[in-house]
């Protein structure tokens, strides 16, 4: 199963990007990052809709979509790993995690997503969310492989 991370905004060099790269490189196959950006001055609803268009256009055909959303489910790491296992065992070819812009996801992304996923009630910087997603994917792979990285 190929893993993709689609994100609004461009990562700048710094510790968040390095942390993301460390975890993304551990994944097998590696996590593919695709960044999209809308630079025109738009109202919040217009920007959310445009970012949703850009994210959905960047999706691999037939991908299962997980949208990072503050109103999403908050599974534990083991439950998250089991969900990934179900998709893998069902023959999912591409699994894409979508990170929206500062105003969140547009309706089109939320409607397309098979899962809305939250990293908790706290607000996280978007660049750090990339690293958190990559780490949880690595942790899920470790759990499914019986690797001692994750201890319960």
N, C-alpha and C. Protein backbone atom coordinates (compact mmCIF):
# COMPACT_ATOMS: atom_id res chain seq x y z
N UNK A 1 0.85 -1.17 0.00
CA UNK A 1 0.00 0.00 0.00
C UNK A 1 0.90 1.24 0.00
N UNK A 2 0.71 2.11 -0.97
CA UNK A 2 1.48 3.34 -1.07
C UNK A 2 0.84 4.41 -0.18
N UNK A 3 1.67 5.12 0.56
CA UNK A 3 1.21 6.15 1.48
C UNK A 3 1.55 7.53 0.94
N UNK A 4 0.58 8.43 1.03
CA UNK A 4 0.74 9.79 0.51
C UNK A 4 0.34 10.78 1.59
N UNK A 5 1.04 11.90 1.62
CA UNK A 5 0.67 13.01 2.48
C UNK A 5 0.50 14.22 1.57
N UNK A 6 -0.72 14.73 1.50
CA UNK A 6 -1.02 15.91 0.69
C UNK A 6 -1.31 17.04 1.66
N UNK A 7 -0.60 18.15 1.48
CA UNK A 7 -0.70 19.23 2.45
C UNK A 7 -0.79 20.58 1.77
N UNK A 8 -1.57 21.46 2.37
CA UNK A 8 -1.64 22.85 1.92
C UNK A 8 -0.44 23.58 2.52
N UNK A 9 0.29 24.28 1.69
CA UNK A 9 1.43 25.06 2.15
C UNK A 9 2.75 24.38 1.82
N UNK A 10 3.78 25.18 1.76
CA UNK A 10 5.12 24.69 1.45
C UNK A 10 5.95 24.62 2.72
N UNK A 11 6.60 23.50 2.92
CA UNK A 11 7.46 23.34 4.09
C UNK A 11 8.74 24.15 3.90
N UNK A 12 9.15 24.80 4.95
CA UNK A 12 10.41 25.53 4.94
C UNK A 12 11.45 24.72 5.70
N UNK A 13 12.71 24.89 5.37
CA UNK A 13 13.75 24.17 6.12
C UNK A 13 13.63 24.50 7.61
N UNK A 14 13.85 23.49 8.43
CA UNK A 14 13.78 23.69 9.86
C UNK A 14 13.55 22.38 10.58
N UNK A 15 13.44 22.43 11.89
CA UNK A 15 13.33 21.19 12.67
C UNK A 15 12.06 20.39 12.37
N UNK A 16 10.95 21.06 12.06
CA UNK A 16 9.71 20.33 11.77
C UNK A 16 9.87 19.50 10.50
N UNK A 17 10.47 20.09 9.47
CA UNK A 17 10.70 19.38 8.22
C UNK A 17 11.67 18.23 8.41
N UNK A 18 12.71 18.45 9.19
CA UNK A 18 13.69 17.37 9.45
C UNK A 18 13.04 16.21 10.20
N UNK A 19 12.22 16.52 11.18
CA UNK A 19 11.53 15.47 11.93
C UNK A 19 10.61 14.69 11.01
N UNK A 20 9.85 15.41 10.17
CA UNK A 20 8.99 14.74 9.19
C UNK A 20 9.83 13.80 8.33
N UNK A 21 10.94 14.30 7.80
CA UNK A 21 11.78 13.49 6.90
C UNK A 21 12.33 12.24 7.59
N UNK A 22 12.68 12.36 8.86
CA UNK A 22 13.20 11.20 9.60
C UNK A 22 12.17 10.08 9.65
N UNK A 23 10.94 10.41 9.99
CA UNK A 23 9.90 9.37 10.09
C UNK A 23 9.43 8.91 8.71
N UNK A 24 9.29 9.82 7.78
CA UNK A 24 8.85 9.45 6.43
C UNK A 24 9.82 8.47 5.79
N UNK A 25 11.10 8.65 6.03
CA UNK A 25 12.12 7.78 5.43
C UNK A 25 12.10 6.38 6.05
N UNK A 26 11.61 6.24 7.26
CA UNK A 26 11.55 4.93 7.92
C UNK A 26 10.44 4.06 7.35
N UNK A 27 9.44 4.68 6.74
CA UNK A 27 8.29 3.94 6.24
C UNK A 27 8.65 3.14 5.01
N UNK A 28 8.00 2.00 4.89
CA UNK A 28 8.23 1.16 3.72
C UNK A 28 6.89 0.81 3.09
N UNK A 29 6.60 1.30 1.90
CA UNK A 29 7.42 2.24 1.12
C UNK A 29 7.40 3.63 1.76
N UNK A 30 8.37 4.49 1.38
CA UNK A 30 8.42 5.83 1.98
C UNK A 30 7.15 6.63 1.73
N UNK A 31 6.88 7.55 2.60
CA UNK A 31 5.72 8.42 2.50
C UNK A 31 6.00 9.48 1.43
N UNK A 32 5.11 9.59 0.45
CA UNK A 32 5.25 10.58 -0.61
C UNK A 32 4.54 11.86 -0.21
N UNK A 33 5.23 12.99 -0.30
CA UNK A 33 4.68 14.28 0.08
C UNK A 33 4.34 15.09 -1.17
N UNK A 34 3.14 15.63 -1.21
CA UNK A 34 2.70 16.53 -2.28
C UNK A 34 2.15 17.78 -1.62
N UNK A 35 2.70 18.93 -1.95
CA UNK A 35 2.27 20.19 -1.38
C UNK A 35 1.50 20.99 -2.43
N UNK A 36 0.43 21.64 -1.98
CA UNK A 36 -0.35 22.51 -2.85
C UNK A 36 -0.48 23.87 -2.17
N UNK A 37 -0.72 24.88 -2.98
CA UNK A 37 -0.78 26.21 -2.40
C UNK A 37 -1.62 27.13 -3.29
N UNK A 38 -2.44 27.93 -2.66
CA UNK A 38 -3.21 28.97 -3.34
C UNK A 38 -2.71 30.30 -2.83
N UNK A 39 -2.18 31.13 -3.70
CA UNK A 39 -1.58 32.39 -3.28
C UNK A 39 -2.48 33.60 -3.49
N UNK A 40 -3.57 33.44 -4.22
CA UNK A 40 -4.45 34.58 -4.45
C UNK A 40 -5.16 34.97 -3.15
N UNK A 41 -5.40 36.25 -2.96
CA UNK A 41 -6.15 36.68 -1.77
C UNK A 41 -7.63 36.31 -1.95
N UNK A 42 -8.10 35.39 -1.13
CA UNK A 42 -9.48 34.93 -1.21
C UNK A 42 -10.12 35.03 0.17
N UNK A 43 -11.43 35.06 0.20
CA UNK A 43 -12.12 35.00 1.48
C UNK A 43 -11.90 33.61 2.06
N UNK A 44 -12.14 33.45 3.33
CA UNK A 44 -11.95 32.15 3.97
C UNK A 44 -12.75 31.04 3.28
N UNK A 45 -14.04 31.21 3.01
CA UNK A 45 -14.78 30.13 2.33
C UNK A 45 -14.23 29.84 0.93
N UNK A 46 -13.86 30.90 0.21
CA UNK A 46 -13.29 30.69 -1.13
C UNK A 46 -11.96 29.96 -1.06
N UNK A 47 -11.12 30.32 -0.09
CA UNK A 47 -9.81 29.68 0.08
C UNK A 47 -9.98 28.21 0.44
N UNK A 48 -10.89 27.91 1.36
CA UNK A 48 -11.13 26.50 1.73
C UNK A 48 -11.59 25.69 0.52
N UNK A 49 -12.49 26.25 -0.26
CA UNK A 49 -12.99 25.55 -1.44
C UNK A 49 -11.86 25.35 -2.46
N UNK A 50 -11.04 26.37 -2.67
CA UNK A 50 -9.95 26.26 -3.65
C UNK A 50 -8.89 25.26 -3.17
N UNK A 51 -8.55 25.30 -1.89
CA UNK A 51 -7.57 24.34 -1.36
C UNK A 51 -8.10 22.92 -1.47
N UNK A 52 -9.40 22.74 -1.25
CA UNK A 52 -10.01 21.42 -1.41
C UNK A 52 -9.86 20.94 -2.84
N UNK A 53 -10.10 21.83 -3.82
CA UNK A 53 -9.92 21.47 -5.23
C UNK A 53 -8.49 21.03 -5.50
N UNK A 54 -7.53 21.79 -4.99
CA UNK A 54 -6.11 21.48 -5.23
C UNK A 54 -5.73 20.14 -4.60
N UNK A 55 -6.17 19.90 -3.37
CA UNK A 55 -5.86 18.64 -2.71
C UNK A 55 -6.47 17.46 -3.46
N UNK A 56 -7.74 17.58 -3.82
CA UNK A 56 -8.41 16.47 -4.50
C UNK A 56 -7.81 16.21 -5.88
N UNK A 57 -7.37 17.26 -6.56
CA UNK A 57 -6.74 17.10 -7.87
C UNK A 57 -5.39 16.40 -7.76
N UNK A 58 -4.74 16.50 -6.61
CA UNK A 58 -3.42 15.88 -6.41
C UNK A 58 -3.50 14.43 -5.95
N UNK A 59 -4.71 13.95 -5.68
CA UNK A 59 -4.88 12.57 -5.20
C UNK A 59 -4.56 11.56 -6.29
N UNK A 60 -3.94 10.46 -5.91
CA UNK A 60 -3.83 9.35 -6.87
C UNK A 60 -5.23 8.79 -7.14
N UNK A 61 -5.46 8.34 -8.34
CA UNK A 61 -6.78 7.79 -8.71
C UNK A 61 -7.14 6.64 -7.78
N UNK A 62 -8.35 6.66 -7.25
CA UNK A 62 -8.86 5.59 -6.42
C UNK A 62 -8.32 5.53 -5.00
N UNK A 63 -7.60 6.56 -4.58
CA UNK A 63 -7.00 6.55 -3.24
C UNK A 63 -8.07 6.59 -2.16
N UNK A 64 -7.79 5.90 -1.07
CA UNK A 64 -8.57 6.04 0.15
C UNK A 64 -8.07 7.33 0.81
N UNK A 65 -9.00 8.16 1.26
CA UNK A 65 -8.66 9.49 1.79
C UNK A 65 -8.92 9.56 3.29
N UNK A 66 -7.90 10.02 4.01
CA UNK A 66 -8.02 10.32 5.43
C UNK A 66 -7.75 11.82 5.57
N UNK A 67 -8.74 12.56 6.01
CA UNK A 67 -8.59 14.00 6.19
C UNK A 67 -8.33 14.32 7.65
N UNK A 68 -7.25 15.04 7.91
CA UNK A 68 -6.95 15.49 9.26
C UNK A 68 -7.90 16.63 9.58
N UNK A 69 -8.70 16.45 10.62
CA UNK A 69 -9.78 17.38 10.92
C UNK A 69 -10.01 17.41 12.42
N UNK A 70 -10.13 18.59 12.98
CA UNK A 70 -10.31 18.71 14.43
C UNK A 70 -11.58 18.04 14.93
N UNK A 71 -12.54 17.82 14.05
CA UNK A 71 -13.79 17.17 14.46
C UNK A 71 -13.78 15.67 14.17
N UNK A 72 -12.63 15.14 13.79
CA UNK A 72 -12.54 13.74 13.41
C UNK A 72 -12.41 12.80 14.59
N UNK A 73 -12.34 11.52 14.26
CA UNK A 73 -12.15 10.47 15.26
C UNK A 73 -10.77 10.60 15.88
N UNK A 74 -10.64 10.15 17.12
CA UNK A 74 -9.37 10.21 17.85
C UNK A 74 -9.02 8.78 18.31
N UNK A 75 -8.60 7.93 17.39
CA UNK A 75 -8.27 6.57 17.79
C UNK A 75 -6.92 6.52 18.51
N UNK A 76 -6.73 5.49 19.30
CA UNK A 76 -5.41 5.25 19.86
C UNK A 76 -4.50 4.69 18.76
N UNK A 77 -3.23 4.57 19.07
CA UNK A 77 -2.27 4.09 18.07
C UNK A 77 -2.57 2.67 17.60
N UNK A 78 -2.98 1.80 18.50
CA UNK A 78 -3.28 0.42 18.11
C UNK A 78 -4.52 0.38 17.21
N UNK A 79 -5.55 1.12 17.56
CA UNK A 79 -6.75 1.16 16.72
C UNK A 79 -6.43 1.75 15.35
N UNK A 80 -5.60 2.76 15.31
CA UNK A 80 -5.18 3.35 14.04
C UNK A 80 -4.42 2.32 13.20
N UNK A 81 -3.53 1.59 13.83
CA UNK A 81 -2.78 0.55 13.11
C UNK A 81 -3.72 -0.51 12.55
N UNK A 82 -4.71 -0.91 13.32
CA UNK A 82 -5.67 -1.92 12.86
C UNK A 82 -6.48 -1.40 11.67
N UNK A 83 -6.81 -0.11 11.67
CA UNK A 83 -7.54 0.48 10.54
C UNK A 83 -6.68 0.43 9.28
N UNK A 84 -5.40 0.76 9.43
CA UNK A 84 -4.48 0.69 8.29
C UNK A 84 -4.35 -0.75 7.80
N UNK A 85 -4.31 -1.68 8.74
CA UNK A 85 -4.22 -3.09 8.40
C UNK A 85 -5.44 -3.53 7.58
N UNK A 86 -6.62 -3.07 7.98
CA UNK A 86 -7.84 -3.41 7.23
C UNK A 86 -7.77 -2.90 5.80
N UNK A 87 -7.33 -1.65 5.62
CA UNK A 87 -7.21 -1.12 4.27
C UNK A 87 -6.17 -1.89 3.47
N UNK A 88 -5.05 -2.17 4.09
CA UNK A 88 -3.99 -2.93 3.41
C UNK A 88 -4.49 -4.30 2.99
N UNK A 89 -5.15 -5.00 3.91
CA UNK A 89 -5.61 -6.36 3.63
C UNK A 89 -6.77 -6.38 2.63
N UNK A 90 -7.47 -5.26 2.49
CA UNK A 90 -8.55 -5.17 1.51
C UNK A 90 -8.02 -4.84 0.12
N UNK A 91 -6.71 -4.65 0.00
CA UNK A 91 -6.11 -4.39 -1.30
C UNK A 91 -6.03 -2.93 -1.68
N UNK A 92 -6.12 -2.02 -0.70
CA UNK A 92 -6.00 -0.60 -0.99
C UNK A 92 -4.63 -0.34 -1.60
N UNK A 93 -4.62 0.30 -2.77
CA UNK A 93 -3.35 0.60 -3.43
C UNK A 93 -2.71 1.88 -2.93
N UNK A 94 -3.55 2.90 -2.72
CA UNK A 94 -3.06 4.21 -2.29
C UNK A 94 -3.88 4.72 -1.13
N UNK A 95 -3.20 5.17 -0.09
CA UNK A 95 -3.84 5.75 1.09
C UNK A 95 -3.27 7.15 1.25
N UNK A 96 -4.14 8.16 1.21
CA UNK A 96 -3.70 9.55 1.24
C UNK A 96 -4.21 10.26 2.48
N UNK A 97 -3.31 10.94 3.16
CA UNK A 97 -3.63 11.75 4.33
C UNK A 97 -3.58 13.21 3.89
N UNK A 98 -4.67 13.94 4.14
CA UNK A 98 -4.79 15.32 3.68
C UNK A 98 -4.77 16.28 4.85
N UNK A 99 -3.87 17.26 4.76
CA UNK A 99 -3.76 18.31 5.77
C UNK A 99 -4.21 19.61 5.10
N UNK A 100 -5.24 20.23 5.65
CA UNK A 100 -5.80 21.45 5.08
C UNK A 100 -5.01 22.68 5.46
N UNK A 101 -5.53 23.81 5.06
CA UNK A 101 -4.91 25.09 5.37
C UNK A 101 -5.33 25.61 6.73
N UNK A 102 -5.01 26.86 6.97
CA UNK A 102 -5.26 27.47 8.28
C UNK A 102 -6.74 27.47 8.66
N UNK A 103 -7.63 27.49 7.66
CA UNK A 103 -9.06 27.52 7.95
C UNK A 103 -9.70 26.14 7.92
N UNK A 104 -8.90 25.12 7.76
CA UNK A 104 -9.44 23.75 7.73
C UNK A 104 -9.76 23.31 6.31
N UNK A 105 -10.44 22.17 6.23
CA UNK A 105 -10.79 21.59 4.94
C UNK A 105 -12.10 22.15 4.40
N UNK A 106 -12.16 22.24 3.07
CA UNK A 106 -13.41 22.56 2.40
C UNK A 106 -14.33 21.36 2.42
N UNK A 107 -15.60 21.60 2.17
CA UNK A 107 -16.60 20.54 2.22
C UNK A 107 -16.28 19.39 1.27
N UNK A 108 -15.70 19.70 0.12
CA UNK A 108 -15.42 18.65 -0.87
C UNK A 108 -14.44 17.61 -0.32
N UNK A 109 -13.46 18.04 0.45
CA UNK A 109 -12.52 17.08 1.06
C UNK A 109 -13.22 16.27 2.13
N UNK A 110 -13.98 16.93 2.98
CA UNK A 110 -14.68 16.22 4.06
C UNK A 110 -15.64 15.17 3.48
N UNK A 111 -16.30 15.50 2.38
CA UNK A 111 -17.23 14.55 1.76
C UNK A 111 -16.50 13.39 1.09
N UNK A 112 -15.31 13.64 0.55
CA UNK A 112 -14.55 12.60 -0.16
C UNK A 112 -13.83 11.63 0.80
N UNK A 113 -13.58 12.09 2.02
CA UNK A 113 -12.79 11.32 2.98
C UNK A 113 -13.53 10.08 3.48
N UNK A 114 -12.81 8.98 3.53
CA UNK A 114 -13.34 7.77 4.16
C UNK A 114 -13.18 7.83 5.68
N UNK A 115 -12.27 8.67 6.13
CA UNK A 115 -12.05 8.84 7.57
C UNK A 115 -11.66 10.28 7.84
N UNK A 116 -12.31 10.89 8.84
CA UNK A 116 -11.88 12.17 9.38
C UNK A 116 -11.11 11.84 10.65
N UNK A 117 -9.87 12.28 10.72
CA UNK A 117 -8.96 11.90 11.80
C UNK A 117 -8.48 13.14 12.52
N UNK A 118 -8.56 13.11 13.84
CA UNK A 118 -8.07 14.21 14.67
C UNK A 118 -6.85 13.72 15.46
N UNK A 119 -5.91 14.63 15.64
CA UNK A 119 -4.75 14.32 16.48
C UNK A 119 -4.97 14.79 17.91
N UNK A 120 -6.22 15.06 18.26
CA UNK A 120 -6.56 15.47 19.61
C UNK A 120 -7.19 16.84 19.64
N UNK A 121 -7.58 17.26 20.82
CA UNK A 121 -8.30 18.52 20.99
C UNK A 121 -7.41 19.75 20.84
N UNK A 122 -6.12 19.57 21.00
CA UNK A 122 -5.21 20.72 20.89
C UNK A 122 -4.98 21.07 19.43
N UNK A 123 -4.66 22.33 19.19
CA UNK A 123 -4.32 22.78 17.85
C UNK A 123 -2.82 22.64 17.66
N UNK A 124 -2.44 22.04 16.52
CA UNK A 124 -1.02 21.82 16.21
C UNK A 124 -0.62 22.65 15.00
N UNK A 125 0.61 23.14 14.95
CA UNK A 125 1.08 23.83 13.75
C UNK A 125 1.05 22.87 12.55
N UNK A 126 0.61 23.36 11.41
CA UNK A 126 0.46 22.49 10.24
C UNK A 126 1.75 21.79 9.85
N UNK A 127 2.88 22.45 10.01
CA UNK A 127 4.15 21.82 9.64
C UNK A 127 4.51 20.70 10.64
N UNK A 128 4.12 20.85 11.88
CA UNK A 128 4.36 19.80 12.85
C UNK A 128 3.42 18.62 12.64
N UNK A 129 2.21 18.89 12.15
CA UNK A 129 1.25 17.81 11.88
C UNK A 129 1.83 16.82 10.88
N UNK A 130 2.60 17.30 9.92
CA UNK A 130 3.24 16.39 8.95
C UNK A 130 4.10 15.36 9.68
N UNK A 131 4.89 15.84 10.63
CA UNK A 131 5.77 14.94 11.39
C UNK A 131 4.94 14.00 12.27
N UNK A 132 3.88 14.50 12.87
CA UNK A 132 3.03 13.65 13.73
C UNK A 132 2.37 12.54 12.92
N UNK A 133 1.89 12.86 11.73
CA UNK A 133 1.28 11.84 10.87
C UNK A 133 2.33 10.81 10.47
N UNK A 134 3.50 11.27 10.06
CA UNK A 134 4.56 10.34 9.65
C UNK A 134 4.95 9.43 10.81
N UNK A 135 5.06 9.99 12.01
CA UNK A 135 5.42 9.17 13.17
C UNK A 135 4.34 8.15 13.47
N UNK A 136 3.08 8.53 13.40
CA UNK A 136 2.00 7.57 13.68
C UNK A 136 1.93 6.48 12.61
N UNK A 137 2.25 6.82 11.38
CA UNK A 137 2.31 5.78 10.34
C UNK A 137 3.46 4.81 10.62
N UNK A 138 4.61 5.35 11.03
CA UNK A 138 5.74 4.49 11.39
C UNK A 138 5.37 3.62 12.60
N UNK A 139 4.72 4.21 13.59
CA UNK A 139 4.31 3.47 14.78
C UNK A 139 3.33 2.37 14.37
N UNK A 140 2.39 2.67 13.49
CA UNK A 140 1.42 1.67 13.03
C UNK A 140 2.14 0.51 12.33
N UNK A 141 3.10 0.82 11.49
CA UNK A 141 3.86 -0.25 10.84
C UNK A 141 4.59 -1.09 11.88
N UNK A 142 5.15 -0.45 12.90
CA UNK A 142 5.86 -1.18 13.95
C UNK A 142 4.89 -2.08 14.73
N UNK A 143 3.71 -1.57 15.04
CA UNK A 143 2.70 -2.37 15.76
C UNK A 143 2.33 -3.59 14.94
N UNK A 144 2.05 -3.38 13.66
CA UNK A 144 1.61 -4.49 12.80
C UNK A 144 2.72 -5.51 12.57
N UNK A 145 3.98 -5.06 12.65
CA UNK A 145 5.11 -5.97 12.47
C UNK A 145 5.55 -6.63 13.77
N UNK A 146 4.94 -6.23 14.90
CA UNK A 146 5.34 -6.77 16.19
C UNK A 146 6.66 -6.20 16.69
N UNK A 147 7.08 -5.08 16.15
CA UNK A 147 8.33 -4.42 16.52
C UNK A 147 8.15 -3.75 17.89
N UNK A 148 9.18 -3.73 18.72
CA UNK A 148 9.02 -3.19 20.08
C UNK A 148 8.96 -1.66 20.17
N UNK A 149 9.00 -0.93 19.04
CA UNK A 149 8.94 0.53 19.09
C UNK A 149 7.73 1.00 19.91
N UNK A 150 6.59 0.37 19.68
CA UNK A 150 5.38 0.78 20.41
C UNK A 150 5.20 -0.15 21.60
N UNK A 151 5.13 0.44 22.75
CA UNK A 151 4.89 -0.35 23.97
C UNK A 151 3.57 0.09 24.57
N UNK A 152 2.77 -0.89 24.93
CA UNK A 152 1.46 -0.58 25.50
C UNK A 152 1.52 -0.52 27.00
